[in-house]
Amino acid sequence: MKKILIIDDDATFRKTLSDSLSPDKYIVSTAVNGKDGLEKIKNDKPDLIILDISMPEMGGIELLQNLKEESINVPILIASQLSQIEVVSESIETGVNIGVKGYILKASESLDMIIQTIEKTLAQ
């Protein structure tokens, strides 16, 4: 089974997405910020990370920089709001060499589309 780590400070998004991913296919864990997420990445070694950009304590870009410094390369999907598209672009540029594969626009994509993006990314 594939391991997915959702790092997002939005409890509703974390729960909705986690509950929507089939327990027959995926082991899903969550983190509320980049600091917590970095620990889980090191301990759990996920197959895919879904990463929010704007979070307290340690945001997504700072987490990407930490992963780069520690040479941790895991496929990553950036999850963000449409209003943060410039930040998403910056984070993709920052993380392109360490596994950023694309992004999810939380507000404008249906749950089915998000799950399709996750499945497609894991299949690569």
PDB file of N, CA and C in Angstrom:
ATOM      1  N   MET A   1       0.843  -1.195   0.000  1.00  0.00           N
ATOM      2  CA  MET A   1       0.000   0.000   0.000  1.00  0.00           C
ATOM      3  C   MET A   1       0.878   1.246   0.000  1.00  0.00           C
ATOM      4  N   LYS A   2       0.413   2.256  -0.699  1.00  0.00           N
ATOM      5  CA  LYS A   2       1.133   3.528  -0.785  1.00  0.00           C
ATOM      6  C   LYS A   2       0.833   4.383   0.444  1.00  0.00           C
ATOM      7  N   LYS A   3       1.871   5.080   0.909  1.00  0.00           N
ATOM      8  CA  LYS A   3       1.719   5.972   2.063  1.00  0.00           C
ATOM      9  C   LYS A   3       1.628   7.415   1.584  1.00  0.00           C
ATOM     10  N   ILE A   4       0.596   8.105   2.032  1.00  0.00           N
ATOM     11  CA  ILE A   4       0.373   9.507   1.679  1.00  0.00           C
ATOM     12  C   ILE A   4       0.386  10.331   2.960  1.00  0.00           C
ATOM     13  N   LEU A   5       1.125  11.439   2.922  1.00  0.00           N
ATOM     14  CA  LEU A   5       1.165  12.371   4.046  1.00  0.00           C
ATOM     15  C   LEU A   5       0.544  13.689   3.602  1.00  0.00           C
ATOM     16  N   ILE A   6      -0.502  14.116   4.296  1.00  0.00           N
ATOM     17  CA  ILE A   6      -1.165  15.393   4.021  1.00  0.00           C
ATOM     18  C   ILE A   6      -0.689  16.392   5.069  1.00  0.00           C
ATOM     19  N   ILE A   7       0.002  17.447   4.610  1.00  0.00           N
ATOM     20  CA  ILE A   7       0.505  18.484   5.520  1.00  0.00           C
ATOM     21  C   ILE A   7      -0.270  19.759   5.227  1.00  0.00           C
ATOM     22  N   ASP A   8      -1.186  20.104   6.123  1.00  0.00           N
ATOM     23  CA  ASP A   8      -2.073  21.249   5.894  1.00  0.00           C
ATOM     24  C   ASP A   8      -2.654  21.692   7.233  1.00  0.00           C
ATOM     25  N   ASP A   9      -2.714  22.999   7.455  1.00  0.00           N
ATOM     26  CA  ASP A   9      -3.274  23.488   8.719  1.00  0.00           C
ATOM     27  C   ASP A   9      -4.796  23.549   8.704  1.00  0.00           C
ATOM     28  N   ASP A  10      -5.412  23.291   7.565  1.00  0.00           N
ATOM     29  CA  ASP A  10      -6.869  23.297   7.433  1.00  0.00           C
ATOM     30  C   ASP A  10      -7.408  21.911   7.812  1.00  0.00           C
ATOM     31  N   ALA A  11      -7.954  21.800   9.018  1.00  0.00           N
ATOM     32  CA  ALA A  11      -8.431  20.513   9.533  1.00  0.00           C
ATOM     33  C   ALA A  11      -9.514  19.906   8.648  1.00  0.00           C
ATOM     34  N   THR A  12     -10.387  20.738   8.092  1.00  0.00           N
ATOM     35  CA  THR A  12     -11.465  20.233   7.238  1.00  0.00           C
ATOM     36  C   THR A  12     -10.898  19.606   5.971  1.00  0.00           C
ATOM     37  N   PHE A  13      -9.941  20.286   5.333  1.00  0.00           N
ATOM     38  CA  PHE A  13      -9.314  19.747   4.121  1.00  0.00           C
ATOM     39  C   PHE A  13      -8.598  18.430   4.435  1.00  0.00           C
ATOM     40  N   ARG A  14      -7.827  18.410   5.522  1.00  0.00           N
ATOM     41  CA  ARG A  14      -7.102  17.184   5.902  1.00  0.00           C
ATOM     42  C   ARG A  14      -8.066  16.022   6.093  1.00  0.00           C
ATOM     43  N   LYS A  15      -9.134  16.249   6.856  1.00  0.00           N
ATOM     44  CA  LYS A  15     -10.079  15.170   7.158  1.00  0.00           C
ATOM     45  C   LYS A  15     -10.840  14.724   5.914  1.00  0.00           C
ATOM     46  N   THR A  16     -11.338  15.687   5.141  1.00  0.00           N
ATOM     47  CA  THR A  16     -12.110  15.351   3.939  1.00  0.00           C
ATOM     48  C   THR A  16     -11.270  14.535   2.966  1.00  0.00           C
ATOM     49  N   LEU A  17     -10.050  14.991   2.705  1.00  0.00           N
ATOM     50  CA  LEU A  17      -9.191  14.277   1.763  1.00  0.00           C
ATOM     51  C   LEU A  17      -8.775  12.921   2.325  1.00  0.00           C
ATOM     52  N   SER A  18      -8.397  12.889   3.572  1.00  0.00           N
ATOM     53  CA  SER A  18      -7.990  11.636   4.209  1.00  0.00           C
ATOM     54  C   SER A  18      -9.119  10.606   4.174  1.00  0.00           C
ATOM     55  N   ASP A  19     -10.326  11.037   4.497  1.00  0.00           N
ATOM     56  CA  ASP A  19     -11.485  10.135   4.497  1.00  0.00           C
ATOM     57  C   ASP A  19     -11.853   9.662   3.094  1.00  0.00           C
ATOM     58  N   SER A  20     -11.473  10.432   2.068  1.00  0.00           N
ATOM     59  CA  SER A  20     -11.839  10.106   0.689  1.00  0.00           C
ATOM     60  C   SER A  20     -10.859   9.147   0.020  1.00  0.00           C
ATOM     61  N   LEU A  21      -9.689   8.980   0.602  1.00  0.00           N
ATOM     62  CA  LEU A  21      -8.687   8.084   0.023  1.00  0.00           C
ATOM     63  C   LEU A  21      -8.906   6.676   0.563  1.00  0.00           C
ATOM     64  N   SER A  22      -9.078   5.733  -0.336  1.00  0.00           N
ATOM     65  CA  SER A  22      -9.438   4.366   0.023  1.00  0.00           C
ATOM     66  C   SER A  22      -8.428   3.722   0.973  1.00  0.00           C
ATOM     67  N   PRO A  23      -8.910   3.232   2.128  1.00  0.00           N
ATOM     68  CA  PRO A  23      -8.006   2.555   3.063  1.00  0.00           C
ATOM     69  C   PRO A  23      -7.480   1.227   2.509  1.00  0.00           C
ATOM     70  N   ASP A  24      -8.103   0.721   1.434  1.00  0.00           N
ATOM     71  CA  ASP A  24      -7.613  -0.496   0.786  1.00  0.00           C
ATOM     72  C   ASP A  24      -6.374  -0.221  -0.057  1.00  0.00           C
ATOM     73  N   LYS A  25      -6.198   1.037  -0.472  1.00  0.00           N
ATOM     74  CA  LYS A  25      -5.086   1.403  -1.352  1.00  0.00           C
ATOM     75  C   LYS A  25      -4.011   2.220  -0.654  1.00  0.00           C
ATOM     76  N   TYR A  26      -4.408   3.004   0.348  1.00  0.00           N
ATOM     77  CA  TYR A  26      -3.496   3.993   0.918  1.00  0.00           C
ATOM     78  C   TYR A  26      -3.462   3.963   2.441  1.00  0.00           C
ATOM     79  N   ILE A  27      -2.287   4.246   2.957  1.00  0.00           N
ATOM     80  CA  ILE A  27      -2.121   4.531   4.382  1.00  0.00           C
ATOM     81  C   ILE A  27      -1.928   6.040   4.450  1.00  0.00           C
ATOM     82  N   VAL A  28      -2.872   6.741   5.066  1.00  0.00           N
ATOM     83  CA  VAL A  28      -2.842   8.204   5.085  1.00  0.00           C
ATOM     84  C   VAL A  28      -2.507   8.695   6.487  1.00  0.00           C
ATOM     85  N   SER A  29      -1.537   9.595   6.551  1.00  0.00           N
ATOM     86  CA  SER A  29      -1.242  10.276   7.807  1.00  0.00           C
ATOM     87  C   SER A  29      -1.308  11.771   7.547  1.00  0.00           C
ATOM     88  N   THR A  30      -1.428  12.542   8.611  1.00  0.00           N
ATOM     89  CA  THR A  30      -1.579  13.987   8.458  1.00  0.00           C
ATOM     90  C   THR A  30      -0.656  14.728   9.420  1.00  0.00           C
ATOM     91  N   ALA A  31      -0.390  15.984   9.052  1.00  0.00           N
ATOM     92  CA  ALA A  31       0.388  16.883   9.899  1.00  0.00           C
ATOM     93  C   ALA A  31      -0.219  18.272   9.777  1.00  0.00           C
ATOM     94  N   VAL A  32      -0.148  19.050  10.860  1.00  0.00           N
ATOM     95  CA  VAL A  32      -0.792  20.367  10.883  1.00  0.00           C
ATOM     96  C   VAL A  32       0.119  21.504  10.433  1.00  0.00           C
ATOM     97  N   ASN A  33       1.420  21.231  10.314  1.00  0.00           N
ATOM     98  CA  ASN A  33       2.354  22.261   9.850  1.00  0.00           C
ATOM     99  C   ASN A  33       3.626  21.589   9.336  1.00  0.00           C
ATOM    100  N   GLY A  34       4.517  22.394   8.769  1.00  0.00           N
ATOM    101  CA  GLY A  34       5.736  21.854   8.193  1.00  0.00           C
ATOM    102  C   GLY A  34       6.659  21.196   9.199  1.00  0.00           C
ATOM    103  N   LYS A  35       6.705  21.733  10.409  1.00  0.00           N
ATOM    104  CA  LYS A  35       7.570  21.165  11.449  1.00  0.00           C
ATOM    105  C   LYS A  35       7.134  19.740  11.786  1.00  0.00           C
ATOM    106  N   ASP A  36       5.844  19.570  12.037  1.00  0.00           N
ATOM    107  CA  ASP A  36       5.273  18.251  12.312  1.00  0.00           C
ATOM    108  C   ASP A  36       5.438  17.350  11.087  1.00  0.00           C
ATOM    109  N   GLY A  37       5.209  17.930   9.909  1.00  0.00           N
ATOM    110  CA  GLY A  37       5.328  17.179   8.662  1.00  0.00           C
ATOM    111  C   GLY A  37       6.731  16.657   8.419  1.00  0.00           C
ATOM    112  N   LEU A  38       7.745  17.477   8.700  1.00  0.00           N
ATOM    113  CA  LEU A  38       9.135  17.068   8.491  1.00  0.00           C
ATOM    114  C   LEU A  38       9.474  15.848   9.342  1.00  0.00           C
ATOM    115  N   GLU A  39       9.013  15.839  10.581  1.00  0.00           N
ATOM    116  CA  GLU A  39       9.234  14.671  11.453  1.00  0.00           C
ATOM    117  C   GLU A  39       8.569  13.424  10.872  1.00  0.00           C
ATOM    118  N   LYS A  40       7.323  13.584  10.400  1.00  0.00           N
ATOM    119  CA  LYS A  40       6.603  12.429   9.844  1.00  0.00           C
ATOM    120  C   LYS A  40       7.242  11.950   8.541  1.00  0.00           C
ATOM    121  N   ILE A  41       7.785  12.876   7.751  1.00  0.00           N
ATOM    122  CA  ILE A  41       8.473  12.480   6.517  1.00  0.00           C
ATOM    123  C   ILE A  41       9.678  11.609   6.860  1.00  0.00           C
ATOM    124  N   LYS A  42      10.445  12.028   7.843  1.00  0.00           N
ATOM    125  CA  LYS A  42      11.641  11.274   8.239  1.00  0.00           C
ATOM    126  C   LYS A  42      11.278   9.912   8.830  1.00  0.00           C
ATOM    127  N   ASN A  43      10.219   9.858   9.632  1.00  0.00           N
ATOM    128  CA  ASN A  43       9.845   8.612  10.309  1.00  0.00           C
ATOM    129  C   ASN A  43       9.030   7.662   9.435  1.00  0.00           C
ATOM    130  N   ASP A  44       8.073   8.209   8.675  1.00  0.00           N
ATOM    131  CA  ASP A  44       7.123   7.367   7.939  1.00  0.00           C
ATOM    132  C   ASP A  44       7.530   7.081   6.499  1.00  0.00           C
ATOM    133  N   LYS A  45       8.421   7.906   5.936  1.00  0.00           N
ATOM    134  CA  LYS A  45       8.874   7.760   4.549  1.00  0.00           C
ATOM    135  C   LYS A  45       7.693   7.584   3.577  1.00  0.00           C
ATOM    136  N   PRO A  46       6.877   8.639   3.424  1.00  0.00           N
ATOM    137  CA  PRO A  46       5.697   8.540   2.552  1.00  0.00           C
ATOM    138  C   PRO A  46       6.070   8.410   1.074  1.00  0.00           C
ATOM    139  N   ASP A  47       5.134   7.862   0.296  1.00  0.00           N
ATOM    140  CA  ASP A  47       5.298   7.752  -1.155  1.00  0.00           C
ATOM    141  C   ASP A  47       4.855   9.028  -1.855  1.00  0.00           C
ATOM    142  N   LEU A  48       4.043   9.842  -1.173  1.00  0.00           N
ATOM    143  CA  LEU A  48       3.549  11.103  -1.729  1.00  0.00           C
ATOM    144  C   LEU A  48       3.238  12.051  -0.581  1.00  0.00           C
ATOM    145  N   ILE A  49       3.581  13.331  -0.798  1.00  0.00           N
ATOM    146  CA  ILE A  49       3.260  14.377   0.172  1.00  0.00           C
ATOM    147  C   ILE A  49       2.321  15.369  -0.490  1.00  0.00           C
ATOM    148  N   ILE A  50       1.237  15.718   0.191  1.00  0.00           N
ATOM    149  CA  ILE A  50       0.352  16.795  -0.248  1.00  0.00           C
ATOM    150  C   ILE A  50       0.620  17.937   0.716  1.00  0.00           C
ATOM    151  N   LEU A  51       1.144  19.045   0.182  1.00  0.00           N
ATOM    152  CA  LEU A  51       1.722  20.096   1.009  1.00  0.00           C
ATOM    153  C   LEU A  51       1.053  21.447   0.800  1.00  0.00           C
ATOM    154  N   ASP A  52       0.511  22.000   1.884  1.00  0.00           N
ATOM    155  CA  ASP A  52      -0.011  23.365   1.863  1.00  0.00           C
ATOM    156  C   ASP A  52       1.179  24.317   1.942  1.00  0.00           C
ATOM    157  N   ILE A  53       1.011  25.516   1.432  1.00  0.00           N
ATOM    158  CA  ILE A  53       2.087  26.500   1.440  1.00  0.00           C
ATOM    159  C   ILE A  53       2.023  27.386   2.675  1.00  0.00           C
ATOM    160  N   SER A  54       0.852  27.925   2.974  1.00  0.00           N
ATOM    161  CA  SER A  54       0.709  28.878   4.083  1.00  0.00           C
ATOM    162  C   SER A  54       0.254  28.162   5.347  1.00  0.00           C
ATOM    163  N   MET A  55       1.210  27.981   6.275  1.00  0.00           N
ATOM    164  CA  MET A  55       0.909  27.323   7.550  1.00  0.00           C
ATOM    165  C   MET A  55       1.711  28.001   8.655  1.00  0.00           C
ATOM    166  N   PRO A  56       1.212  27.924   9.900  1.00  0.00           N
ATOM    167  CA  PRO A  56       1.990  28.466  11.022  1.00  0.00           C
ATOM    168  C   PRO A  56       3.205  27.580  11.327  1.00  0.00           C
ATOM    169  N   GLU A  57       4.103  28.096  12.109  1.00  0.00           N
ATOM    170  CA  GLU A  57       5.342  27.436  12.546  1.00  0.00           C
ATOM    171  C   GLU A  57       6.320  27.210  11.406  1.00  0.00           C
ATOM    172  N   MET A  58       5.999  26.353  10.463  1.00  0.00           N
ATOM    173  CA  MET A  58       6.849  26.151   9.293  1.00  0.00           C
ATOM    174  C   MET A  58       5.945  25.975   8.091  1.00  0.00           C
ATOM    175  N   GLY A  59       6.044  26.894   7.138  1.00  0.00           N
ATOM    176  CA  GLY A  59       5.220  26.832   5.937  1.00  0.00           C
ATOM    177  C   GLY A  59       5.792  25.864   4.915  1.00  0.00           C
ATOM    178  N   GLY A  60       5.072  25.741   3.814  1.00  0.00           N
ATOM    179  CA  GLY A  60       5.450  24.793   2.776  1.00  0.00           C
ATOM    180  C   GLY A  60       6.773  25.090   2.102  1.00  0.00           C
ATOM    181  N   ILE A  61       7.043  26.362   1.801  1.00  0.00           N
ATOM    182  CA  ILE A  61       8.303  26.695   1.129  1.00  0.00           C
ATOM    183  C   ILE A  61       9.485  26.399   2.044  1.00  0.00           C
ATOM    184  N   GLU A  62       9.355  26.733   3.319  1.00  0.00           N
ATOM    185  CA  GLU A  62      10.428  26.425   4.275  1.00  0.00           C
ATOM    186  C   GLU A  62      10.638  24.908   4.384  1.00  0.00           C
ATOM    187  N   LEU A  63       9.551  24.149   4.365  1.00  0.00           N
ATOM    188  CA  LEU A  63       9.668  22.691   4.404  1.00  0.00           C
ATOM    189  C   LEU A  63      10.386  22.184   3.155  1.00  0.00           C
ATOM    190  N   LEU A  64      10.037  22.728   1.982  1.00  0.00           N
ATOM    191  CA  LEU A  64      10.717  22.329   0.746  1.00  0.00           C
ATOM    192  C   LEU A  64      12.216  22.594   0.842  1.00  0.00           C
ATOM    193  N   GLN A  65      12.577  23.742   1.402  1.00  0.00           N
ATOM    194  CA  GLN A  65      13.997  24.071   1.555  1.00  0.00           C
ATOM    195  C   GLN A  65      14.688  23.084   2.494  1.00  0.00           C
ATOM    196  N   ASN A  66      14.004  22.688   3.572  1.00  0.00           N
ATOM    197  CA  ASN A  66      14.555  21.684   4.488  1.00  0.00           C
ATOM    198  C   ASN A  66      14.751  20.342   3.792  1.00  0.00           C
ATOM    199  N   LEU A  67      13.772  19.937   2.990  1.00  0.00           N
ATOM    200  CA  LEU A  67      13.884  18.669   2.266  1.00  0.00           C
ATOM    201  C   LEU A  67      15.068  18.710   1.305  1.00  0.00           C
ATOM    202  N   LYS A  68      15.241  19.849   0.646  1.00  0.00           N
ATOM    203  CA  LYS A  68      16.350  20.010  -0.296  1.00  0.00           C
ATOM    204  C   LYS A  68      17.690  19.915   0.437  1.00  0.00           C
ATOM    205  N   GLU A  69      17.802  20.613   1.572  1.00  0.00           N
ATOM    206  CA  GLU A  69      19.041  20.595   2.358  1.00  0.00           C
ATOM    207  C   GLU A  69      19.380  19.193   2.850  1.00  0.00           C
ATOM    208  N   GLU A  70      18.366  18.418   3.155  1.00  0.00           N
ATOM    209  CA  GLU A  70      18.586  17.071   3.687  1.00  0.00           C
ATOM    210  C   GLU A  70      18.541  16.002   2.594  1.00  0.00           C
ATOM    211  N   SER A  71      18.463  16.435   1.328  1.00  0.00           N
ATOM    212  CA  SER A  71      18.441  15.531   0.168  1.00  0.00           C
ATOM    213  C   SER A  71      17.336  14.484   0.263  1.00  0.00           C
ATOM    214  N   ILE A  72      16.178  14.911   0.741  1.00  0.00           N
ATOM    215  CA  ILE A  72      15.008  14.028   0.805  1.00  0.00           C
ATOM    216  C   ILE A  72      14.176  14.299  -0.441  1.00  0.00           C
ATOM    217  N   ASN A  73      14.006  13.281  -1.272  1.00  0.00           N
ATOM    218  CA  ASN A  73      13.301  13.445  -2.536  1.00  0.00           C
ATOM    219  C   ASN A  73      12.065  12.548  -2.544  1.00  0.00           C
ATOM    220  N   VAL A  74      10.901  13.170  -2.387  1.00  0.00           N
ATOM    221  CA  VAL A  74       9.615  12.471  -2.346  1.00  0.00           C
ATOM    222  C   VAL A  74       8.673  13.212  -3.288  1.00  0.00           C
ATOM    223  N   PRO A  75       7.847  12.517  -4.075  1.00  0.00           N
ATOM    224  CA  PRO A  75       6.869  13.229  -4.899  1.00  0.00           C
ATOM    225  C   PRO A  75       5.961  14.106  -4.030  1.00  0.00           C
ATOM    226  N   ILE A  76       5.768  15.352  -4.475  1.00  0.00           N
ATOM    227  CA  ILE A  76       4.998  16.332  -3.710  1.00  0.00           C
ATOM    228  C   ILE A  76       3.972  16.996  -4.611  1.00  0.00           C
ATOM    229  N   LEU A  77       2.753  17.130  -4.107  1.00  0.00           N
ATOM    230  CA  LEU A  77       1.729  17.958  -4.741  1.00  0.00           C
ATOM    231  C   LEU A  77       1.489  19.146  -3.827  1.00  0.00           C
ATOM    232  N   ILE A  78       1.598  20.350  -4.375  1.00  0.00           N
ATOM    233  CA  ILE A  78       1.331  21.560  -3.614  1.00  0.00           C
ATOM    234  C   ILE A  78      -0.182  21.759  -3.576  1.00  0.00           C
ATOM    235  N   ALA A  79      -0.737  21.970  -2.391  1.00  0.00           N
ATOM    236  CA  ALA A  79      -2.171  22.234  -2.230  1.00  0.00           C
ATOM    237  C   ALA A  79      -2.331  23.678  -1.789  1.00  0.00           C
ATOM    238  N   SER A  80      -3.101  24.447  -2.549  1.00  0.00           N
ATOM    239  CA  SER A  80      -3.227  25.855  -2.206  1.00  0.00           C
ATOM    240  C   SER A  80      -4.522  26.437  -2.749  1.00  0.00           C
ATOM    241  N   GLN A  81      -4.768  27.681  -2.372  1.00  0.00           N
ATOM    242  CA  GLN A  81      -5.932  28.416  -2.859  1.00  0.00           C
ATOM    243  C   GLN A  81      -5.556  29.132  -4.154  1.00  0.00           C
ATOM    244  N   LEU A  82      -6.527  29.382  -4.988  1.00  0.00           N
ATOM    245  CA  LEU A  82      -6.297  30.075  -6.252  1.00  0.00           C
ATOM    246  C   LEU A  82      -5.671  31.442  -6.023  1.00  0.00           C
ATOM    247  N   SER A  83      -6.021  32.104  -4.926  1.00  0.00           N
ATOM    248  CA  SER A  83      -5.494  33.436  -4.640  1.00  0.00           C
ATOM    249  C   SER A  83      -3.996  33.410  -4.349  1.00  0.00           C
ATOM    250  N   GLN A  84      -3.432  32.227  -4.139  1.00  0.00           N
ATOM    251  CA  GLN A  84      -2.008  32.096  -3.828  1.00  0.00           C
ATOM    252  C   GLN A  84      -1.209  31.583  -5.020  1.00  0.00           C
ATOM    253  N   ILE A  85      -1.702  31.783  -6.238  1.00  0.00           N
ATOM    254  CA  ILE A  85      -1.086  31.175  -7.417  1.00  0.00           C
ATOM    255  C   ILE A  85       0.369  31.603  -7.604  1.00  0.00           C
ATOM    256  N   GLU A  86       0.722  32.849  -7.266  1.00  0.00           N
ATOM    257  CA  GLU A  86       2.119  33.274  -7.391  1.00  0.00           C
ATOM    258  C   GLU A  86       2.999  32.522  -6.403  1.00  0.00           C
ATOM    259  N   VAL A  87       2.492  32.312  -5.207  1.00  0.00           N
ATOM    260  CA  VAL A  87       3.241  31.560  -4.195  1.00  0.00           C
ATOM    261  C   VAL A  87       3.380  30.107  -4.636  1.00  0.00           C
ATOM    262  N   VAL A  88       2.325  29.554  -5.244  1.00  0.00           N
ATOM    263  CA  VAL A  88       2.376  28.186  -5.756  1.00  0.00           C
ATOM    264  C   VAL A  88       3.459  28.080  -6.818  1.00  0.00           C
ATOM    265  N   SER A  89       3.502  29.047  -7.735  1.00  0.00           N
ATOM    266  CA  SER A  89       4.529  29.040  -8.785  1.00  0.00           C
ATOM    267  C   SER A  89       5.926  29.072  -8.179  1.00  0.00           C
ATOM    268  N   GLU A  90       6.118  29.923  -7.178  1.00  0.00           N
ATOM    269  CA  GLU A  90       7.422  30.019  -6.508  1.00  0.00           C
ATOM    270  C   GLU A  90       7.780  28.698  -5.833  1.00  0.00           C
ATOM    271  N   SER A  91       6.798  28.079  -5.192  1.00  0.00           N
ATOM    272  CA  SER A  91       7.076  26.829  -4.486  1.00  0.00           C
ATOM    273  C   SER A  91       7.397  25.706  -5.465  1.00  0.00           C
ATOM    274  N   ILE A  92       6.756  25.709  -6.624  1.00  0.00           N
ATOM    275  CA  ILE A  92       7.063  24.693  -7.631  1.00  0.00           C
ATOM    276  C   ILE A  92       8.485  24.900  -8.142  1.00  0.00           C
ATOM    277  N   GLU A  93       8.871  26.153  -8.385  1.00  0.00           N
ATOM    278  CA  GLU A  93      10.241  26.435  -8.813  1.00  0.00           C
ATOM    279  C   GLU A  93      11.238  26.019  -7.739  1.00  0.00           C
ATOM    280  N   THR A  94      10.932  26.319  -6.484  1.00  0.00           N
ATOM    281  CA  THR A  94      11.813  25.954  -5.370  1.00  0.00           C
ATOM    282  C   THR A  94      11.941  24.438  -5.266  1.00  0.00           C
ATOM    283  N   GLY A  95      10.845  23.740  -5.463  1.00  0.00           N
ATOM    284  CA  GLY A  95      10.833  22.307  -5.214  1.00  0.00           C
ATOM    285  C   GLY A  95      10.963  21.417  -6.421  1.00  0.00           C
ATOM    286  N   VAL A  96      11.167  21.992  -7.600  1.00  0.00           N
ATOM    287  CA  VAL A  96      11.171  21.175  -8.812  1.00  0.00           C
ATOM    288  C   VAL A  96      12.274  20.108  -8.777  1.00  0.00           C
ATOM    289  N   ASN A  97      13.382  20.393  -8.151  1.00  0.00           N
ATOM    290  CA  ASN A  97      14.475  19.424  -8.092  1.00  0.00           C
ATOM    291  C   ASN A  97      14.352  18.441  -6.939  1.00  0.00           C
ATOM    292  N   ILE A  98      13.365  18.618  -6.096  1.00  0.00           N
ATOM    293  CA  ILE A  98      13.220  17.708  -4.956  1.00  0.00           C
ATOM    294  C   ILE A  98      11.868  17.019  -4.931  1.00  0.00           C
ATOM    295  N   GLY A  99      11.213  16.947  -6.059  1.00  0.00           N
ATOM    296  CA  GLY A  99      10.028  16.113  -6.111  1.00  0.00           C
ATOM    297  C   GLY A  99       8.690  16.778  -6.330  1.00  0.00           C
ATOM    298  N   VAL A 100       8.625  18.115  -6.443  1.00  0.00           N
ATOM    299  CA  VAL A 100       7.321  18.741  -6.678  1.00  0.00           C
ATOM    300  C   VAL A 100       6.836  18.342  -8.071  1.00  0.00           C
ATOM    301  N   LYS A 101       5.689  17.698  -8.118  1.00  0.00           N
ATOM    302  CA  LYS A 101       5.147  17.166  -9.369  1.00  0.00           C
ATOM    303  C   LYS A 101       3.982  17.975  -9.912  1.00  0.00           C
ATOM    304  N   GLY A 102       3.404  18.853  -9.095  1.00  0.00           N
ATOM    305  CA  GLY A 102       2.255  19.622  -9.546  1.00  0.00           C
ATOM    306  C   GLY A 102       1.555  20.263  -8.371  1.00  0.00           C
ATOM    307  N   TYR A 103       0.332  20.697  -8.627  1.00  0.00           N
ATOM    308  CA  TYR A 103      -0.407  21.382  -7.574  1.00  0.00           C
ATOM    309  C   TYR A 103      -1.883  21.047  -7.631  1.00  0.00           C
ATOM    310  N   ILE A 104      -2.528  21.284  -6.501  1.00  0.00           N
ATOM    311  CA  ILE A 104      -3.970  21.102  -6.341  1.00  0.00           C
ATOM    312  C   ILE A 104      -4.527  22.448  -5.902  1.00  0.00           C
ATOM    313  N   LEU A 105      -5.531  22.942  -6.612  1.00  0.00           N
ATOM    314  CA  LEU A 105      -6.215  24.166  -6.189  1.00  0.00           C
ATOM    315  C   LEU A 105      -7.408  23.742  -5.344  1.00  0.00           C
ATOM    316  N   LYS A 106      -7.294  23.940  -4.051  1.00  0.00           N
ATOM    317  CA  LYS A 106      -8.297  23.432  -3.108  1.00  0.00           C
ATOM    318  C   LYS A 106      -9.714  23.902  -3.410  1.00  0.00           C
ATOM    319  N   ALA A 107      -9.880  25.176  -3.665  1.00  0.00           N
ATOM    320  CA  ALA A 107     -11.226  25.734  -3.798  1.00  0.00           C
ATOM    321  C   ALA A 107     -11.884  25.398  -5.129  1.00  0.00           C
ATOM    322  N   SER A 108     -11.092  25.194  -6.169  1.00  0.00           N
ATOM    323  CA  SER A 108     -11.710  25.079  -7.491  1.00  0.00           C
ATOM    324  C   SER A 108     -11.737  23.662  -8.052  1.00  0.00           C
ATOM    325  N   GLU A 109     -11.052  22.718  -7.417  1.00  0.00           N
ATOM    326  CA  GLU A 109     -11.057  21.352  -7.931  1.00  0.00           C
ATOM    327  C   GLU A 109     -11.970  20.476  -7.080  1.00  0.00           C
ATOM    328  N   SER A 110     -12.722  19.607  -7.758  1.00  0.00           N
ATOM    329  CA  SER A 110     -13.581  18.680  -7.024  1.00  0.00           C
ATOM    330  C   SER A 110     -12.719  17.627  -6.336  1.00  0.00           C
ATOM    331  N   LEU A 111     -13.286  16.984  -5.350  1.00  0.00           N
ATOM    332  CA  LEU A 111     -12.577  15.927  -4.640  1.00  0.00           C
ATOM    333  C   LEU A 111     -12.163  14.814  -5.597  1.00  0.00           C
ATOM    334  N   ASP A 112     -13.033  14.477  -6.550  1.00  0.00           N
ATOM    335  CA  ASP A 112     -12.698  13.448  -7.541  1.00  0.00           C
ATOM    336  C   ASP A 112     -11.484  13.848  -8.366  1.00  0.00           C
ATOM    337  N   MET A 113     -11.416  15.128  -8.767  1.00  0.00           N
ATOM    338  CA  MET A 113     -10.270  15.605  -9.542  1.00  0.00           C
ATOM    339  C   MET A 113      -8.992  15.539  -8.713  1.00  0.00           C
ATOM    340  N   ILE A 114      -9.085  15.892  -7.446  1.00  0.00           N
ATOM    341  CA  ILE A 114      -7.918  15.846  -6.562  1.00  0.00           C
ATOM    342  C   ILE A 114      -7.430  14.402  -6.421  1.00  0.00           C
ATOM    343  N   ILE A 115      -8.351  13.470  -6.235  1.00  0.00           N
ATOM    344  CA  ILE A 115      -7.975  12.058  -6.098  1.00  0.00           C
ATOM    345  C   ILE A 115      -7.355  11.544  -7.396  1.00  0.00           C
ATOM    346  N   GLN A 116      -7.893  11.956  -8.547  1.00  0.00           N
ATOM    347  CA  GLN A 116      -7.298  11.571  -9.834  1.00  0.00           C
ATOM    348  C   GLN A 116      -5.868  12.089  -9.952  1.00  0.00           C
ATOM    349  N   THR A 117      -5.641  13.328  -9.524  1.00  0.00           N
ATOM    350  CA  THR A 117      -4.295  13.908  -9.562  1.00  0.00           C
ATOM    351  C   THR A 117      -3.353  13.110  -8.663  1.00  0.00           C
ATOM    352  N   ILE A 118      -3.821  12.734  -7.489  1.00  0.00           N
ATOM    353  CA  ILE A 118      -3.018  11.932  -6.561  1.00  0.00           C
ATOM    354  C   ILE A 118      -2.669  10.586  -7.192  1.00  0.00           C
ATOM    355  N   GLU A 119      -3.667   9.906  -7.750  1.00  0.00           N
ATOM    356  CA  GLU A 119      -3.440   8.589  -8.350  1.00  0.00           C
ATOM    357  C   GLU A 119      -2.486   8.673  -9.532  1.00  0.00           C
ATOM    358  N   LYS A 120      -2.643   9.706 -10.354  1.00  0.00           N
ATOM    359  CA  LYS A 120      -1.764   9.892 -11.511  1.00  0.00           C
ATOM    360  C   LYS A 120      -0.325  10.148 -11.058  1.00  0.00           C
ATOM    361  N   THR A 121      -0.160  10.939 -10.024  1.00  0.00           N
ATOM    362  CA  THR A 121       1.179  11.245  -9.513  1.00  0.00           C
ATOM    363  C   THR A 121       1.838   9.994  -8.934  1.00  0.00           C
ATOM    364  N   LEU A 122       1.083   9.195  -8.205  1.00  0.00           N
ATOM    365  CA  LEU A 122       1.637   7.966  -7.630  1.00  0.00           C
ATOM    366  C   LEU A 122       1.988   6.940  -8.703  1.00  0.00           C
ATOM    367  N   ALA A 123       1.313   6.991  -9.844  1.00  0.00           N
ATOM    368  CA  ALA A 123       1.561   6.035 -10.923  1.00  0.00           C
ATOM    369  C   ALA A 123       2.825   6.362 -11.722  1.00  0.00           C
ATOM    370  N   GLN A 124       3.347   7.571 -11.566  1.00  0.00           N
ATOM    371  CA  GLN A 124       4.535   7.979 -12.337  1.00  0.00           C
ATOM    372  C   GLN A 124       5.778   7.254 -11.885  1.00  0.00           C
TER     373      GLN A 124
END
